[in-house]
C-alpha atoms as a PDB file:
ATOM      1  CA  UNK A   1       8.194 -33.649  16.101  1.00  0.00           C
ATOM      2  CA  UNK A   2       6.546 -30.783  14.226  1.00  0.00           C
ATOM      3  CA  UNK A   3       8.847 -28.802  12.074  1.00  0.00           C
ATOM      4  CA  UNK A   4       7.814 -25.072  11.418  1.00  0.00           C
ATOM      5  CA  UNK A   5       9.099 -22.950   8.720  1.00  0.00           C
ATOM      6  CA  UNK A   6       9.727 -19.408   9.222  1.00  0.00           C
ATOM      7  CA  UNK A   7       8.003 -17.627   6.115  1.00  0.00           C
ATOM      8  CA  UNK A   8       8.880 -14.049   5.602  1.00  0.00           C
ATOM      9  CA  UNK A   9       5.756 -11.971   5.071  1.00  0.00           C
ATOM     10  CA  UNK A  10       6.040  -9.451   2.217  1.00  0.00           C
ATOM     11  CA  UNK A  11       5.274  -5.891   3.551  1.00  0.00           C
ATOM     12  CA  UNK A  12       2.702  -3.857   1.391  1.00  0.00           C
ATOM     13  CA  UNK A  13       2.465  -0.118   1.853  1.00  0.00           C
ATOM     14  CA  UNK A  14      -0.436   1.710   0.388  1.00  0.00           C
ATOM     15  CA  UNK A  15      -0.406   5.370   0.094  1.00  0.00           C
ATOM     16  CA  UNK A  16      -2.709   8.235  -0.942  1.00  0.00           C
ATOM     17  CA  UNK A  17      -3.132  11.848   0.069  1.00  0.00           C
ATOM     18  CA  UNK A  18      -4.848  11.888   3.458  1.00  0.00           C
ATOM     19  CA  UNK A  19      -4.805   8.075   4.229  1.00  0.00           C
ATOM     20  CA  UNK A  20      -8.607   8.227   4.795  1.00  0.00           C
ATOM     21  CA  UNK A  21     -10.256   6.654   1.811  1.00  0.00           C
ATOM     22  CA  UNK A  22      -8.225   4.964  -1.115  1.00  0.00           C
ATOM     23  CA  UNK A  23      -5.056   3.836   0.986  1.00  0.00           C
ATOM     24  CA  UNK A  24      -7.228   2.944   4.098  1.00  0.00           C
ATOM     25  CA  UNK A  25      -9.467   0.722   2.018  1.00  0.00           C
ATOM     26  CA  UNK A  26      -6.459  -1.019   0.458  1.00  0.00           C
ATOM     27  CA  UNK A  27      -5.206  -1.716   3.859  1.00  0.00           C
ATOM     28  CA  UNK A  28      -8.416  -2.825   5.030  1.00  0.00           C
ATOM     29  CA  UNK A  29      -9.047  -5.438   2.016  1.00  0.00           C
ATOM     30  CA  UNK A  30      -5.566  -6.835   1.655  1.00  0.00           C
ATOM     31  CA  UNK A  31      -4.667  -7.175   5.563  1.00  0.00           C
ATOM     32  CA  UNK A  32      -6.183 -10.747   5.852  1.00  0.00           C
ATOM     33  CA  UNK A  33      -4.321 -12.277   2.888  1.00  0.00           C
ATOM     34  CA  UNK A  34      -2.021 -14.808   4.367  1.00  0.00           C
ATOM     35  CA  UNK A  35       1.794 -14.229   3.713  1.00  0.00           C
ATOM     36  CA  UNK A  36       1.445 -10.185   3.710  1.00  0.00           C
ATOM     37  CA  UNK A  37       1.873  -7.586   6.207  1.00  0.00           C
ATOM     38  CA  UNK A  38      -0.058  -4.216   5.210  1.00  0.00           C
ATOM     39  CA  UNK A  39       0.110  -0.850   6.043  1.00  0.00           C
ATOM     40  CA  UNK A  40      -1.168   2.502   4.816  1.00  0.00           C
ATOM     41  CA  UNK A  41      -0.340   6.275   5.078  1.00  0.00           C
ATOM     42  CA  UNK A  42      -0.840   9.543   3.533  1.00  0.00           C
ATOM     43  CA  UNK A  43       1.598  12.118   1.781  1.00  0.00           C
ATOM     44  CA  UNK A  44      -0.430  15.261   3.278  1.00  0.00           C
ATOM     45  CA  UNK A  45       0.421  17.120   6.497  1.00  0.00           C
ATOM     46  CA  UNK A  46      -3.254  16.448   7.532  1.00  0.00           C
ATOM     47  CA  UNK A  47      -3.038  12.652   6.740  1.00  0.00           C
ATOM     48  CA  UNK A  48      -4.629  10.231   9.252  1.00  0.00           C
ATOM     49  CA  UNK A  49      -1.190   8.610   9.351  1.00  0.00           C
ATOM     50  CA  UNK A  50       1.469  10.593   7.676  1.00  0.00           C
ATOM     51  CA  UNK A  51       4.205   8.725   5.772  1.00  0.00           C
ATOM     52  CA  UNK A  52       7.576   8.631   7.345  1.00  0.00           C
ATOM     53  CA  UNK A  53      10.831   7.363   6.471  1.00  0.00           C
ATOM     54  CA  UNK A  54      10.083   4.195   8.787  1.00  0.00           C
ATOM     55  CA  UNK A  55       7.147   3.415   6.500  1.00  0.00           C
ATOM     56  CA  UNK A  56       9.398   3.247   3.286  1.00  0.00           C
ATOM     57  CA  UNK A  57      12.119   1.466   5.076  1.00  0.00           C
ATOM     58  CA  UNK A  58       9.604  -1.202   6.367  1.00  0.00           C
ATOM     59  CA  UNK A  59       7.768  -1.985   2.976  1.00  0.00           C
ATOM     60  CA  UNK A  60       8.862  -4.323   0.235  1.00  0.00           C
ATOM     61  CA  UNK A  61       6.327  -2.835  -2.430  1.00  0.00           C
ATOM     62  CA  UNK A  62       4.777   0.486  -1.917  1.00  0.00           C
ATOM     63  CA  UNK A  63       1.521   1.314  -3.902  1.00  0.00           C
ATOM     64  CA  UNK A  64       0.626   4.814  -4.568  1.00  0.00           C
ATOM     65  CA  UNK A  65      -2.592   5.750  -5.701  1.00  0.00           C
ATOM     66  CA  UNK A  66      -1.422   8.676  -8.148  1.00  0.00           C
ATOM     67  CA  UNK A  67       1.861  10.003  -9.677  1.00  0.00           C
ATOM     68  CA  UNK A  68       1.706  12.990  -7.343  1.00  0.00           C
ATOM     69  CA  UNK A  69       2.046  10.530  -4.215  1.00  0.00           C
ATOM     70  CA  UNK A  70       5.369   9.230  -5.656  1.00  0.00           C
ATOM     71  CA  UNK A  71       6.652  12.748  -6.432  1.00  0.00           C
ATOM     72  CA  UNK A  72       5.829  13.951  -2.938  1.00  0.00           C
ATOM     73  CA  UNK A  73       7.694  10.902  -1.442  1.00  0.00           C
ATOM     74  CA  UNK A  74      10.609  11.487  -3.602  1.00  0.00           C
ATOM     75  CA  UNK A  75      10.962  15.044  -2.593  1.00  0.00           C
ATOM     76  CA  UNK A  76      11.082  13.781   1.022  1.00  0.00           C
ATOM     77  CA  UNK A  77      12.554  10.439   0.951  1.00  0.00           C
ATOM     78  CA  UNK A  78      14.186   9.878  -2.284  1.00  0.00           C
ATOM     79  CA  UNK A  79      17.208   8.135  -0.808  1.00  0.00           C
ATOM     80  CA  UNK A  80      15.008   5.624   1.050  1.00  0.00           C
ATOM     81  CA  UNK A  81      13.209   4.955  -2.247  1.00  0.00           C
ATOM     82  CA  UNK A  82      16.153   3.790  -4.068  1.00  0.00           C
ATOM     83  CA  UNK A  83      15.877  -0.077  -4.740  1.00  0.00           C
ATOM     84  CA  UNK A  84      12.140  -0.050  -3.473  1.00  0.00           C
ATOM     85  CA  UNK A  85       9.599  -1.387  -5.789  1.00  0.00           C
ATOM     86  CA  UNK A  86       6.892   1.348  -6.168  1.00  0.00           C
ATOM     87  CA  UNK A  87       3.791   0.877  -8.051  1.00  0.00           C
ATOM     88  CA  UNK A  88       1.411   3.503  -9.112  1.00  0.00           C
ATOM     89  CA  UNK A  89      -2.152   2.451  -9.328  1.00  0.00           C
ATOM     90  CA  UNK A  90      -3.421   5.427 -11.128  1.00  0.00           C
ATOM     91  CA  UNK A  91      -6.613   5.466  -8.922  1.00  0.00           C
ATOM     92  CA  UNK A  92      -8.120   9.093  -8.685  1.00  0.00           C
ATOM     93  CA  UNK A  93      -9.651  10.640  -5.556  1.00  0.00           C
ATOM     94  CA  UNK A  94     -13.115   9.880  -6.753  1.00  0.00           C
ATOM     95  CA  UNK A  95     -14.059   7.153  -3.932  1.00  0.00           C
ATOM     96  CA  UNK A  96     -14.924   6.855  -0.205  1.00  0.00           C
ATOM     97  CA  UNK A  97     -13.858   4.341   2.233  1.00  0.00           C
ATOM     98  CA  UNK A  98     -14.726   0.969   1.206  1.00  0.00           C
ATOM     99  CA  UNK A  99     -16.657   2.292  -1.880  1.00  0.00           C
ATOM    100  CA  UNK A 100     -17.665  -0.962  -3.979  1.00  0.00           C
ATOM    101  CA  UNK A 101     -16.005   0.402  -7.068  1.00  0.00           C
ATOM    102  CA  UNK A 102     -12.931   1.129  -5.326  1.00  0.00           C
ATOM    103  CA  UNK A 103     -12.661  -2.073  -3.821  1.00  0.00           C
ATOM    104  CA  UNK A 104     -13.089  -4.019  -7.063  1.00  0.00           C
ATOM    105  CA  UNK A 105     -10.441  -1.401  -8.719  1.00  0.00           C
ATOM    106  CA  UNK A 106      -7.919  -2.200  -6.047  1.00  0.00           C
ATOM    107  CA  UNK A 107      -8.293  -5.754  -6.195  1.00  0.00           C
ATOM    108  CA  UNK A 108      -7.891  -6.017  -9.982  1.00  0.00           C
ATOM    109  CA  UNK A 109      -4.970  -3.516  -9.988  1.00  0.00           C
ATOM    110  CA  UNK A 110      -3.043  -4.902  -6.899  1.00  0.00           C
ATOM    111  CA  UNK A 111      -3.457  -8.471  -7.933  1.00  0.00           C
ATOM    112  CA  UNK A 112      -1.515  -7.955 -11.018  1.00  0.00           C
ATOM    113  CA  UNK A 113       1.576  -7.362  -8.491  1.00  0.00           C
ATOM    114  CA  UNK A 114       1.104  -9.744  -5.714  1.00  0.00           C
ATOM    115  CA  UNK A 115       0.862 -13.298  -5.422  1.00  0.00           C
ATOM    116  CA  UNK A 116      -2.074 -14.537  -3.227  1.00  0.00           C
ATOM    117  CA  UNK A 117      -3.588 -18.029  -2.705  1.00  0.00           C
ATOM    118  CA  UNK A 118      -6.632 -16.871  -1.023  1.00  0.00           C
ATOM    119  CA  UNK A 119      -9.275 -15.080  -2.885  1.00  0.00           C
ATOM    120  CA  UNK A 120      -9.515 -11.643  -1.634  1.00  0.00           C
END
């Protein structure tokens, strides 16, 4: 008889302004790590995927690229953010999607906050 243990995946949400470069890159590079579910969203009206209360409720850890993203989220979803772990990565909007420097910066910044058994 094979016993399987249900392991709850940790849900990571990456947030930037338009969800086109930084947060989308983060979602792409971290979605393959065992034990994590990953999504991304943006805070601006013209975001590829605009952040909702549902995103915040879903996430275990929220990574924002800049402090302004946290401020925008607090303005709209303050009650939902209570008891949520929010990490500001301080990554400026200086990169394009999958930029090598951005990928390295994300890997080093996020790895301080998540435990992953597989190399990214």
